[in-house]
Amino acid sequence: MLENEVIGYLKINFGESQTELKDTKALEIERIYVSRELQGKKVGQILYDKAIQIANQKETEYVWLGVWEENPRAISFYKKNGFVEFDKHIFKLGDDEQTDIMMKLKLSK
């Protein structure tokens, strides 16, 4: 029973609130989170589809995101949805350097 339970969330950014590019023609998907027990049950796809719907409503030209290079499941998900790699971003997690793969999807007008 999942009534009134949070099973996931979507965090998107526009304009100056974007973490990197800050392009007024773009929407950033900063985070899609799905609780572990519901991964693989299409919840992530529903949240992703909502992000694309919002991007289209706001008439953005593309959607972009960063995904940890050691998360092949997420990379595969975004590639399946038409995203392509365009850059990399190094970030620190404690003393450890991690790499995000930057991906983008051009929206059709």
PDB file of N, CA and C in Angstrom:
ATOM      1  N   MET A   1       0.841  -1.177   0.000  1.00  0.00           N
ATOM      2  CA  MET A   1       0.000   0.000   0.000  1.00  0.00           C
ATOM      3  C   MET A   1       0.892   1.248   0.000  1.00  0.00           C
ATOM      4  N   LEU A   2       0.695   2.127  -0.947  1.00  0.00           N
ATOM      5  CA  LEU A   2       1.548   3.309  -1.077  1.00  0.00           C
ATOM      6  C   LEU A   2       0.793   4.612  -0.889  1.00  0.00           C
ATOM      7  N   GLU A   3      -0.409   4.546  -0.390  1.00  0.00           N
ATOM      8  CA  GLU A   3      -1.179   5.775  -0.218  1.00  0.00           C
ATOM      9  C   GLU A   3      -0.445   6.775   0.654  1.00  0.00           C
ATOM     10  N   ASN A   4      -0.376   8.005   0.185  1.00  0.00           N
ATOM     11  CA  ASN A   4       0.235   9.115   0.921  1.00  0.00           C
ATOM     12  C   ASN A   4       1.715   8.926   1.218  1.00  0.00           C
ATOM     13  N   GLU A   5       2.388   8.054   0.474  1.00  0.00           N
ATOM     14  CA  GLU A   5       3.836   7.881   0.643  1.00  0.00           C
ATOM     15  C   GLU A   5       4.556   8.517  -0.535  1.00  0.00           C
ATOM     16  N   VAL A   6       5.672   9.178  -0.255  1.00  0.00           N
ATOM     17  CA  VAL A   6       6.497   9.725  -1.321  1.00  0.00           C
ATOM     18  C   VAL A   6       7.278   8.557  -1.928  1.00  0.00           C
ATOM     19  N   ILE A   7       7.146   8.383  -3.246  1.00  0.00           N
ATOM     20  CA  ILE A   7       7.845   7.283  -3.908  1.00  0.00           C
ATOM     21  C   ILE A   7       8.950   7.790  -4.829  1.00  0.00           C
ATOM     22  N   GLY A   8       8.992   9.108  -5.026  1.00  0.00           N
ATOM     23  CA  GLY A   8      10.026   9.682  -5.870  1.00  0.00           C
ATOM     24  C   GLY A   8       9.821  11.177  -5.994  1.00  0.00           C
ATOM     25  N   TYR A   9      10.783  11.833  -6.653  1.00  0.00           N
ATOM     26  CA  TYR A   9      10.614  13.260  -6.909  1.00  0.00           C
ATOM     27  C   TYR A   9      11.424  13.679  -8.124  1.00  0.00           C
ATOM     28  N   LEU A  10      11.062  14.830  -8.649  1.00  0.00           N
ATOM     29  CA  LEU A  10      11.698  15.434  -9.813  1.00  0.00           C
ATOM     30  C   LEU A  10      12.129  16.840  -9.425  1.00  0.00           C
ATOM     31  N   LYS A  11      13.375  17.194  -9.716  1.00  0.00           N
ATOM     32  CA  LYS A  11      13.853  18.566  -9.479  1.00  0.00           C
ATOM     33  C   LYS A  11      14.363  19.110 -10.806  1.00  0.00           C
ATOM     34  N   ILE A  12      13.750  20.197 -11.266  1.00  0.00           N
ATOM     35  CA  ILE A  12      14.155  20.833 -12.518  1.00  0.00           C
ATOM     36  C   ILE A  12      14.530  22.282 -12.255  1.00  0.00           C
ATOM     37  N   ASN A  13      15.375  22.831 -13.121  1.00  0.00           N
ATOM     38  CA  ASN A  13      15.830  24.216 -12.981  1.00  0.00           C
ATOM     39  C   ASN A  13      15.751  24.931 -14.323  1.00  0.00           C
ATOM     40  N   PHE A  14      15.449  26.237 -14.250  1.00  0.00           N
ATOM     41  CA  PHE A  14      15.401  27.111 -15.430  1.00  0.00           C
ATOM     42  C   PHE A  14      16.332  28.289 -15.221  1.00  0.00           C
ATOM     43  N   GLY A  15      16.750  28.912 -16.308  1.00  0.00           N
ATOM     44  CA  GLY A  15      17.477  30.183 -16.252  1.00  0.00           C
ATOM     45  C   GLY A  15      18.621  30.187 -15.263  1.00  0.00           C
ATOM     46  N   GLU A  16      18.654  31.205 -14.412  1.00  0.00           N
ATOM     47  CA  GLU A  16      19.750  31.381 -13.457  1.00  0.00           C
ATOM     48  C   GLU A  16      19.788  30.311 -12.375  1.00  0.00           C
ATOM     49  N   SER A  17      18.709  29.577 -12.193  1.00  0.00           N
ATOM     50  CA  SER A  17      18.701  28.543 -11.150  1.00  0.00           C
ATOM     51  C   SER A  17      19.418  27.266 -11.608  1.00  0.00           C
ATOM     52  N   GLN A  18      19.780  27.182 -12.898  1.00  0.00           N
ATOM     53  CA  GLN A  18      20.492  26.008 -13.392  1.00  0.00           C
ATOM     54  C   GLN A  18      21.874  25.923 -12.738  1.00  0.00           C
ATOM     55  N   THR A  19      22.332  24.696 -12.521  1.00  0.00           N
ATOM     56  CA  THR A  19      23.593  24.503 -11.810  1.00  0.00           C
ATOM     57  C   THR A  19      24.813  24.833 -12.655  1.00  0.00           C
ATOM     58  N   GLU A  20      24.708  24.723 -13.980  1.00  0.00           N
ATOM     59  CA  GLU A  20      25.887  24.938 -14.826  1.00  0.00           C
ATOM     60  C   GLU A  20      25.634  25.922 -15.963  1.00  0.00           C
ATOM     61  N   LEU A  21      24.869  25.506 -16.939  1.00  0.00           N
ATOM     62  CA  LEU A  21      24.777  26.243 -18.200  1.00  0.00           C
ATOM     63  C   LEU A  21      24.083  27.591 -18.083  1.00  0.00           C
ATOM     64  N   LYS A  22      23.048  27.682 -17.290  1.00  0.00           N
ATOM     65  CA  LYS A  22      22.280  28.918 -17.094  1.00  0.00           C
ATOM     66  C   LYS A  22      21.786  29.529 -18.416  1.00  0.00           C
ATOM     67  N   ASP A  23      21.391  28.657 -19.331  1.00  0.00           N
ATOM     68  CA  ASP A  23      20.913  29.064 -20.647  1.00  0.00           C
ATOM     69  C   ASP A  23      19.401  29.275 -20.574  1.00  0.00           C
ATOM     70  N   THR A  24      18.940  30.446 -20.981  1.00  0.00           N
ATOM     71  CA  THR A  24      17.505  30.755 -20.907  1.00  0.00           C
ATOM     72  C   THR A  24      16.684  29.887 -21.862  1.00  0.00           C
ATOM     73  N   LYS A  25      17.334  29.236 -22.825  1.00  0.00           N
ATOM     74  CA  LYS A  25      16.630  28.373 -23.777  1.00  0.00           C
ATOM     75  C   LYS A  25      16.629  26.913 -23.330  1.00  0.00           C
ATOM     76  N   ALA A  26      17.057  26.658 -22.076  1.00  0.00           N
ATOM     77  CA  ALA A  26      17.214  25.283 -21.613  1.00  0.00           C
ATOM     78  C   ALA A  26      16.474  25.019 -20.313  1.00  0.00           C
ATOM     79  N   LEU A  27      16.231  23.746 -20.068  1.00  0.00           N
ATOM     80  CA  LEU A  27      15.730  23.258 -18.791  1.00  0.00           C
ATOM     81  C   LEU A  27      16.728  22.210 -18.305  1.00  0.00           C
ATOM     82  N   GLU A  28      17.086  22.281 -17.041  1.00  0.00           N
ATOM     83  CA  GLU A  28      17.971  21.283 -16.446  1.00  0.00           C
ATOM     84  C   GLU A  28      17.152  20.315 -15.608  1.00  0.00           C
ATOM     85  N   ILE A  29      17.353  19.024 -15.838  1.00  0.00           N
ATOM     86  CA  ILE A  29      16.844  18.021 -14.909  1.00  0.00           C
ATOM     87  C   ILE A  29      17.963  17.814 -13.905  1.00  0.00           C
ATOM     88  N   GLU A  30      17.787  18.375 -12.709  1.00  0.00           N
ATOM     89  CA  GLU A  30      18.839  18.238 -11.703  1.00  0.00           C
ATOM     90  C   GLU A  30      18.764  16.880 -11.015  1.00  0.00           C
ATOM     91  N   ARG A  31      17.558  16.387 -10.812  1.00  0.00           N
ATOM     92  CA  ARG A  31      17.439  15.122 -10.096  1.00  0.00           C
ATOM     93  C   ARG A  31      16.126  14.434 -10.413  1.00  0.00           C
ATOM     94  N   ILE A  32      16.205  13.142 -10.677  1.00  0.00           N
ATOM     95  CA  ILE A  32      15.040  12.260 -10.663  1.00  0.00           C
ATOM     96  C   ILE A  32      15.381  11.190  -9.642  1.00  0.00           C
ATOM     97  N   TYR A  33      14.568  11.111  -8.606  1.00  0.00           N
ATOM     98  CA  TYR A  33      14.801  10.112  -7.567  1.00  0.00           C
ATOM     99  C   TYR A  33      13.570   9.218  -7.443  1.00  0.00           C
ATOM    100  N   VAL A  34      13.812   7.911  -7.397  1.00  0.00           N
ATOM    101  CA  VAL A  34      12.748   6.933  -7.194  1.00  0.00           C
ATOM    102  C   VAL A  34      13.179   6.020  -6.053  1.00  0.00           C
ATOM    103  N   SER A  35      12.271   5.794  -5.107  1.00  0.00           N
ATOM    104  CA  SER A  35      12.622   4.908  -3.990  1.00  0.00           C
ATOM    105  C   SER A  35      13.039   3.539  -4.526  1.00  0.00           C
ATOM    106  N   ARG A  36      14.015   2.948  -3.861  1.00  0.00           N
ATOM    107  CA  ARG A  36      14.646   1.721  -4.341  1.00  0.00           C
ATOM    108  C   ARG A  36      13.643   0.616  -4.675  1.00  0.00           C
ATOM    109  N   GLU A  37      12.631   0.444  -3.823  1.00  0.00           N
ATOM    110  CA  GLU A  37      11.684  -0.653  -4.049  1.00  0.00           C
ATOM    111  C   GLU A  37      10.803  -0.455  -5.280  1.00  0.00           C
ATOM    112  N   LEU A  38      10.785   0.753  -5.834  1.00  0.00           N
ATOM    113  CA  LEU A  38       9.960   1.023  -7.018  1.00  0.00           C
ATOM    114  C   LEU A  38      10.797   1.279  -8.276  1.00  0.00           C
ATOM    115  N   GLN A  39      12.110   1.134  -8.184  1.00  0.00           N
ATOM    116  CA  GLN A  39      12.935   1.299  -9.374  1.00  0.00           C
ATOM    117  C   GLN A  39      12.607   0.174 -10.355  1.00  0.00           C
ATOM    118  N   GLY A  40      12.575   0.535 -11.637  1.00  0.00           N
ATOM    119  CA  GLY A  40      12.219  -0.442 -12.665  1.00  0.00           C
ATOM    120  C   GLY A  40      10.721  -0.603 -12.857  1.00  0.00           C
ATOM    121  N   LYS A  41       9.933   0.232 -12.190  1.00  0.00           N
ATOM    122  CA  LYS A  41       8.468   0.135 -12.281  1.00  0.00           C
ATOM    123  C   LYS A  41       7.864   1.331 -13.014  1.00  0.00           C
ATOM    124  N   LYS A  42       8.639   2.009 -13.823  1.00  0.00           N
ATOM    125  CA  LYS A  42       8.175   3.121 -14.679  1.00  0.00           C
ATOM    126  C   LYS A  42       7.945   4.437 -13.940  1.00  0.00           C
ATOM    127  N   VAL A  43       8.235   4.515 -12.646  1.00  0.00           N
ATOM    128  CA  VAL A  43       8.061   5.767 -11.910  1.00  0.00           C
ATOM    129  C   VAL A  43       9.027   6.828 -12.449  1.00  0.00           C
ATOM    130  N   GLY A  44      10.282   6.446 -12.675  1.00  0.00           N
ATOM    131  CA  GLY A  44      11.276   7.364 -13.227  1.00  0.00           C
ATOM    132  C   GLY A  44      10.853   7.884 -14.593  1.00  0.00           C
ATOM    133  N   GLN A  45      10.285   7.015 -15.419  1.00  0.00           N
ATOM    134  CA  GLN A  45       9.836   7.425 -16.753  1.00  0.00           C
ATOM    135  C   GLN A  45       8.702   8.440 -16.642  1.00  0.00           C
ATOM    136  N   ILE A  46       7.806   8.242 -15.696  1.00  0.00           N
ATOM    137  CA  ILE A  46       6.691   9.189 -15.500  1.00  0.00           C
ATOM    138  C   ILE A  46       7.236  10.554 -15.083  1.00  0.00           C
ATOM    139  N   LEU A  47       8.198  10.570 -14.157  1.00  0.00           N
ATOM    140  CA  LEU A  47       8.789  11.836 -13.719  1.00  0.00           C
ATOM    141  C   LEU A  47       9.555  12.496 -14.868  1.00  0.00           C
ATOM    142  N   TYR A  48      10.296  11.697 -15.626  1.00  0.00           N
ATOM    143  CA  TYR A  48      11.025  12.208 -16.790  1.00  0.00           C
ATOM    144  C   TYR A  48      10.043  12.817 -17.804  1.00  0.00           C
ATOM    145  N   ASP A  49       8.966  12.094 -18.097  1.00  0.00           N
ATOM    146  CA  ASP A  49       7.972  12.586 -19.061  1.00  0.00           C
ATOM    147  C   ASP A  49       7.383  13.918 -18.606  1.00  0.00           C
ATOM    148  N   LYS A  50       7.198  14.084 -17.296  1.00  0.00           N
ATOM    149  CA  LYS A  50       6.680  15.350 -16.762  1.00  0.00           C
ATOM    150  C   LYS A  50       7.682  16.481 -17.008  1.00  0.00           C
ATOM    151  N   ALA A  51       8.973  16.192 -16.819  1.00  0.00           N
ATOM    152  CA  ALA A  51      10.004  17.207 -17.080  1.00  0.00           C
ATOM    153  C   ALA A  51       9.970  17.647 -18.545  1.00  0.00           C
ATOM    154  N   ILE A  52       9.837  16.696 -19.445  1.00  0.00           N
ATOM    155  CA  ILE A  52       9.791  17.030 -20.883  1.00  0.00           C
ATOM    156  C   ILE A  52       8.523  17.816 -21.206  1.00  0.00           C
ATOM    157  N   GLN A  53       7.413  17.447 -20.585  1.00  0.00           N
ATOM    158  CA  GLN A  53       6.161  18.188 -20.787  1.00  0.00           C
ATOM    159  C   GLN A  53       6.328  19.646 -20.353  1.00  0.00           C
ATOM    160  N   ILE A  54       6.941  19.867 -19.203  1.00  0.00           N
ATOM    161  CA  ILE A  54       7.168  21.225 -18.704  1.00  0.00           C
ATOM    162  C   ILE A  54       8.117  21.979 -19.640  1.00  0.00           C
ATOM    163  N   ALA A  55       9.172  21.312 -20.096  1.00  0.00           N
ATOM    164  CA  ALA A  55      10.121  21.944 -21.023  1.00  0.00           C
ATOM    165  C   ALA A  55       9.414  22.387 -22.300  1.00  0.00           C
ATOM    166  N   ASN A  56       8.525  21.553 -22.816  1.00  0.00           N
ATOM    167  CA  ASN A  56       7.779  21.914 -24.023  1.00  0.00           C
ATOM    168  C   ASN A  56       6.813  23.065 -23.757  1.00  0.00           C
ATOM    169  N   GLN A  57       6.164  23.059 -22.597  1.00  0.00           N
ATOM    170  CA  GLN A  57       5.243  24.158 -22.252  1.00  0.00           C
ATOM    171  C   GLN A  57       5.998  25.476 -22.160  1.00  0.00           C
ATOM    172  N   LYS A  58       7.219  25.431 -21.654  1.00  0.00           N
ATOM    173  CA  LYS A  58       8.020  26.647 -21.507  1.00  0.00           C
ATOM    174  C   LYS A  58       8.788  26.970 -22.800  1.00  0.00           C
ATOM    175  N   GLU A  59       8.587  26.160 -23.825  1.00  0.00           N
ATOM    176  CA  GLU A  59       9.193  26.355 -25.146  1.00  0.00           C
ATOM    177  C   GLU A  59      10.716  26.431 -25.084  1.00  0.00           C
ATOM    178  N   THR A  60      11.320  25.573 -24.267  1.00  0.00           N
ATOM    179  CA  THR A  60      12.779  25.508 -24.224  1.00  0.00           C
ATOM    180  C   THR A  60      13.275  24.753 -25.462  1.00  0.00           C
ATOM    181  N   GLU A  61      14.517  25.031 -25.837  1.00  0.00           N
ATOM    182  CA  GLU A  61      15.089  24.390 -27.020  1.00  0.00           C
ATOM    183  C   GLU A  61      15.702  23.035 -26.698  1.00  0.00           C
ATOM    184  N   TYR A  62      16.192  22.890 -25.464  1.00  0.00           N
ATOM    185  CA  TYR A  62      16.772  21.605 -25.094  1.00  0.00           C
ATOM    186  C   TYR A  62      16.712  21.384 -23.588  1.00  0.00           C
ATOM    187  N   VAL A  63      16.865  20.118 -23.219  1.00  0.00           N
ATOM    188  CA  VAL A  63      16.926  19.691 -21.823  1.00  0.00           C
ATOM    189  C   VAL A  63      18.313  19.113 -21.610  1.00  0.00           C
ATOM    190  N   TRP A  64      18.914  19.411 -20.458  1.00  0.00           N
ATOM    191  CA  TRP A  64      20.240  18.865 -20.177  1.00  0.00           C
ATOM    192  C   TRP A  64      20.301  18.372 -18.737  1.00  0.00           C
ATOM    193  N   LEU A  65      21.323  17.580 -18.465  1.00  0.00           N
ATOM    194  CA  LEU A  65      21.515  17.025 -17.128  1.00  0.00           C
ATOM    195  C   LEU A  65      22.934  16.497 -16.998  1.00  0.00           C
ATOM    196  N   GLY A  66      23.317  16.237 -15.769  1.00  0.00           N
ATOM    197  CA  GLY A  66      24.580  15.576 -15.479  1.00  0.00           C
ATOM    198  C   GLY A  66      24.278  14.259 -14.804  1.00  0.00           C
ATOM    199  N   VAL A  67      24.950  13.198 -15.229  1.00  0.00           N
ATOM    200  CA  VAL A  67      24.735  11.879 -14.625  1.00  0.00           C
ATOM    201  C   VAL A  67      26.093  11.274 -14.269  1.00  0.00           C
ATOM    202  N   TRP A  68      26.198  10.733 -13.076  1.00  0.00           N
ATOM    203  CA  TRP A  68      27.451  10.159 -12.600  1.00  0.00           C
ATOM    204  C   TRP A  68      27.921   9.082 -13.555  1.00  0.00           C
ATOM    205  N   GLU A  69      29.198   9.157 -13.958  1.00  0.00           N
ATOM    206  CA  GLU A  69      29.733   8.237 -14.959  1.00  0.00           C
ATOM    207  C   GLU A  69      29.658   6.775 -14.524  1.00  0.00           C
ATOM    208  N   GLU A  70      29.542   6.532 -13.236  1.00  0.00           N
ATOM    209  CA  GLU A  70      29.469   5.151 -12.753  1.00  0.00           C
ATOM    210  C   GLU A  70      28.037   4.719 -12.437  1.00  0.00           C
ATOM    211  N   ASN A  71      27.087   5.325 -13.143  1.00  0.00           N
ATOM    212  CA  ASN A  71      25.680   4.944 -13.024  1.00  0.00           C
ATOM    213  C   ASN A  71      25.174   4.516 -14.400  1.00  0.00           C
ATOM    214  N   PRO A  72      25.599   3.321 -14.851  1.00  0.00           N
ATOM    215  CA  PRO A  72      25.238   2.884 -16.212  1.00  0.00           C
ATOM    216  C   PRO A  72      23.734   2.757 -16.432  1.00  0.00           C
ATOM    217  N   ARG A  73      22.996   2.450 -15.385  1.00  0.00           N
ATOM    218  CA  ARG A  73      21.543   2.324 -15.528  1.00  0.00           C
ATOM    219  C   ARG A  73      20.917   3.664 -15.914  1.00  0.00           C
ATOM    220  N   ALA A  74      21.354   4.735 -15.240  1.00  0.00           N
ATOM    221  CA  ALA A  74      20.828   6.068 -15.558  1.00  0.00           C
ATOM    222  C   ALA A  74      21.291   6.524 -16.939  1.00  0.00           C
ATOM    223  N   ILE A  75      22.564   6.294 -17.262  1.00  0.00           N
ATOM    224  CA  ILE A  75      23.074   6.689 -18.581  1.00  0.00           C
ATOM    225  C   ILE A  75      22.277   5.987 -19.672  1.00  0.00           C
ATOM    226  N   SER A  76      22.027   4.702 -19.497  1.00  0.00           N
ATOM    227  CA  SER A  76      21.243   3.941 -20.463  1.00  0.00           C
ATOM    228  C   SER A  76      19.819   4.487 -20.578  1.00  0.00           C
ATOM    229  N   PHE A  77      19.208   4.834 -19.444  1.00  0.00           N
ATOM    230  CA  PHE A  77      17.857   5.397 -19.436  1.00  0.00           C
ATOM    231  C   PHE A  77      17.807   6.670 -20.276  1.00  0.00           C
ATOM    232  N   TYR A  78      18.769   7.574 -20.054  1.00  0.00           N
ATOM    233  CA  TYR A  78      18.746   8.845 -20.788  1.00  0.00           C
ATOM    234  C   TYR A  78      19.066   8.641 -22.263  1.00  0.00           C
ATOM    235  N   LYS A  79      19.995   7.745 -22.588  1.00  0.00           N
ATOM    236  CA  LYS A  79      20.286   7.463 -24.002  1.00  0.00           C
ATOM    237  C   LYS A  79      19.050   6.885 -24.687  1.00  0.00           C
ATOM    238  N   LYS A  80      18.342   6.000 -24.002  1.00  0.00           N
ATOM    239  CA  LYS A  80      17.110   5.417 -24.544  1.00  0.00           C
ATOM    240  C   LYS A  80      16.084   6.506 -24.835  1.00  0.00           C
ATOM    241  N   ASN A  81      16.125   7.581 -24.062  1.00  0.00           N
ATOM    242  CA  ASN A  81      15.198   8.697 -24.242  1.00  0.00           C
ATOM    243  C   ASN A  81      15.752   9.780 -25.178  1.00  0.00           C
ATOM    244  N   GLY A  82      16.844   9.485 -25.885  1.00  0.00           N
ATOM    245  CA  GLY A  82      17.339  10.385 -26.922  1.00  0.00           C
ATOM    246  C   GLY A  82      18.437  11.346 -26.520  1.00  0.00           C
ATOM    247  N   PHE A  83      18.916  11.289 -25.279  1.00  0.00           N
ATOM    248  CA  PHE A  83      19.987  12.180 -24.839  1.00  0.00           C
ATOM    249  C   PHE A  83      21.319  11.760 -25.436  1.00  0.00           C
ATOM    250  N   VAL A  84      22.182  12.758 -25.690  1.00  0.00           N
ATOM    251  CA  VAL A  84      23.545  12.503 -26.163  1.00  0.00           C
ATOM    252  C   VAL A  84      24.531  13.207 -25.235  1.00  0.00           C
ATOM    253  N   GLU A  85      25.714  12.629 -25.114  1.00  0.00           N
ATOM    254  CA  GLU A  85      26.765  13.217 -24.285  1.00  0.00           C
ATOM    255  C   GLU A  85      27.351  14.434 -24.989  1.00  0.00           C
ATOM    256  N   PHE A  86      27.639  15.499 -24.208  1.00  0.00           N
ATOM    257  CA  PHE A  86      28.256  16.676 -24.814  1.00  0.00           C
ATOM    258  C   PHE A  86      29.427  17.225 -24.016  1.00  0.00           C
ATOM    259  N   ASP A  87      29.627  16.765 -22.781  1.00  0.00           N
ATOM    260  CA  ASP A  87      30.729  17.290 -21.972  1.00  0.00           C
ATOM    261  C   ASP A  87      30.861  16.437 -20.725  1.00  0.00           C
ATOM    262  N   LYS A  88      31.847  16.774 -19.900  1.00  0.00           N
ATOM    263  CA  LYS A  88      32.020  16.126 -18.597  1.00  0.00           C
ATOM    264  C   LYS A  88      32.229  17.208 -17.553  1.00  0.00           C
ATOM    265  N   HIS A  89      31.898  16.878 -16.326  1.00  0.00           N
ATOM    266  CA  HIS A  89      32.039  17.823 -15.216  1.00  0.00           C
ATOM    267  C   HIS A  89      32.646  17.069 -14.041  1.00  0.00           C
ATOM    268  N   ILE A  90      33.733  17.597 -13.494  1.00  0.00           N
ATOM    269  CA  ILE A  90      34.369  17.007 -12.320  1.00  0.00           C
ATOM    270  C   ILE A  90      33.813  17.685 -11.070  1.00  0.00           C
ATOM    271  N   PHE A  91      33.454  16.885 -10.085  1.00  0.00           N
ATOM    272  CA  PHE A  91      33.019  17.460  -8.812  1.00  0.00           C
ATOM    273  C   PHE A  91      33.644  16.667  -7.671  1.00  0.00           C
ATOM    274  N   LYS A  92      33.747  17.320  -6.535  1.00  0.00           N
ATOM    275  CA  LYS A  92      34.359  16.678  -5.362  1.00  0.00           C
ATOM    276  C   LYS A  92      33.270  16.128  -4.453  1.00  0.00           C
ATOM    277  N   LEU A  93      33.482  14.893  -4.006  1.00  0.00           N
ATOM    278  CA  LEU A  93      32.641  14.264  -3.008  1.00  0.00           C
ATOM    279  C   LEU A  93      33.569  13.935  -1.862  1.00  0.00           C
ATOM    280  N   GLY A  94      33.608  14.821  -0.864  1.00  0.00           N
ATOM    281  CA  GLY A  94      34.638  14.720   0.168  1.00  0.00           C
ATOM    282  C   GLY A  94      35.977  15.040  -0.470  1.00  0.00           C
ATOM    283  N   ASP A  95      36.931  14.125  -0.352  1.00  0.00           N
ATOM    284  CA  ASP A  95      38.237  14.305  -0.996  1.00  0.00           C
ATOM    285  C   ASP A  95      38.320  13.589  -2.339  1.00  0.00           C
ATOM    286  N   ASP A  96      37.252  12.911  -2.718  1.00  0.00           N
ATOM    287  CA  ASP A  96      37.244  12.096  -3.931  1.00  0.00           C
ATOM    288  C   ASP A  96      36.703  12.892  -5.117  1.00  0.00           C
ATOM    289  N   GLU A  97      37.427  12.868  -6.238  1.00  0.00           N
ATOM    290  CA  GLU A  97      36.931  13.517  -7.451  1.00  0.00           C
ATOM    291  C   GLU A  97      36.030  12.557  -8.212  1.00  0.00           C
ATOM    292  N   GLN A  98      34.848  13.026  -8.560  1.00  0.00           N
ATOM    293  CA  GLN A  98      33.866  12.244  -9.309  1.00  0.00           C
ATOM    294  C   GLN A  98      33.622  12.946 -10.645  1.00  0.00           C
ATOM    295  N   THR A  99      33.146  12.197 -11.621  1.00  0.00           N
ATOM    296  CA  THR A  99      32.864  12.769 -12.931  1.00  0.00           C
ATOM    297  C   THR A  99      31.404  12.556 -13.300  1.00  0.00           C
ATOM    298  N   ASP A 100      30.744  13.644 -13.665  1.00  0.00           N
ATOM    299  CA  ASP A 100      29.404  13.583 -14.244  1.00  0.00           C
ATOM    300  C   ASP A 100      29.534  13.682 -15.751  1.00  0.00           C
ATOM    301  N   ILE A 101      28.787  12.876 -16.448  1.00  0.00           N
ATOM    302  CA  ILE A 101      28.671  12.993 -17.904  1.00  0.00           C
ATOM    303  C   ILE A 101      27.522  13.960 -18.166  1.00  0.00           C
ATOM    304  N   MET A 102      27.803  15.002 -18.920  1.00  0.00           N
ATOM    305  CA  MET A 102      26.781  15.985 -19.269  1.00  0.00           C
ATOM    306  C   MET A 102      26.074  15.486 -20.536  1.00  0.00           C
ATOM    307  N   MET A 103      24.739  15.472 -20.466  1.00  0.00           N
ATOM    308  CA  MET A 103      23.939  14.967 -21.589  1.00  0.00           C
ATOM    309  C   MET A 103      22.862  15.980 -21.927  1.00  0.00           C
ATOM    310  N   LYS A 104      22.477  16.022 -23.204  1.00  0.00           N
ATOM    311  CA  LYS A 104      21.407  16.943 -23.592  1.00  0.00           C
ATOM    312  C   LYS A 104      20.500  16.306 -24.615  1.00  0.00           C
ATOM    313  N   LEU A 105      19.288  16.833 -24.662  1.00  0.00           N
ATOM    314  CA  LEU A 105      18.265  16.400 -25.604  1.00  0.00           C
ATOM    315  C   LEU A 105      17.692  17.638 -26.261  1.00  0.00           C
ATOM    316  N   LYS A 106      17.833  17.727 -27.580  1.00  0.00           N
ATOM    317  CA  LYS A 106      17.240  18.853 -28.321  1.00  0.00           C
ATOM    318  C   LYS A 106      15.757  18.546 -28.524  1.00  0.00           C
ATOM    319  N   LEU A 107      14.929  19.518 -28.191  1.00  0.00           N
ATOM    320  CA  LEU A 107      13.485  19.337 -28.339  1.00  0.00           C
ATOM    321  C   LEU A 107      13.041  19.792 -29.714  1.00  0.00           C
ATOM    322  N   SER A 108      12.119  19.059 -30.301  1.00  0.00           N
ATOM    323  CA  SER A 108      11.612  19.471 -31.617  1.00  0.00           C
ATOM    324  C   SER A 108      10.516  20.510 -31.428  1.00  0.00           C
ATOM    325  N   LYS A 109      10.522  21.470 -32.289  1.00  0.00           N
ATOM    326  CA  LYS A 109       9.530  22.563 -32.202  1.00  0.00           C
ATOM    327  C   LYS A 109       8.296  22.204 -32.995  1.00  0.00           C
TER     328      LYS A 109
END
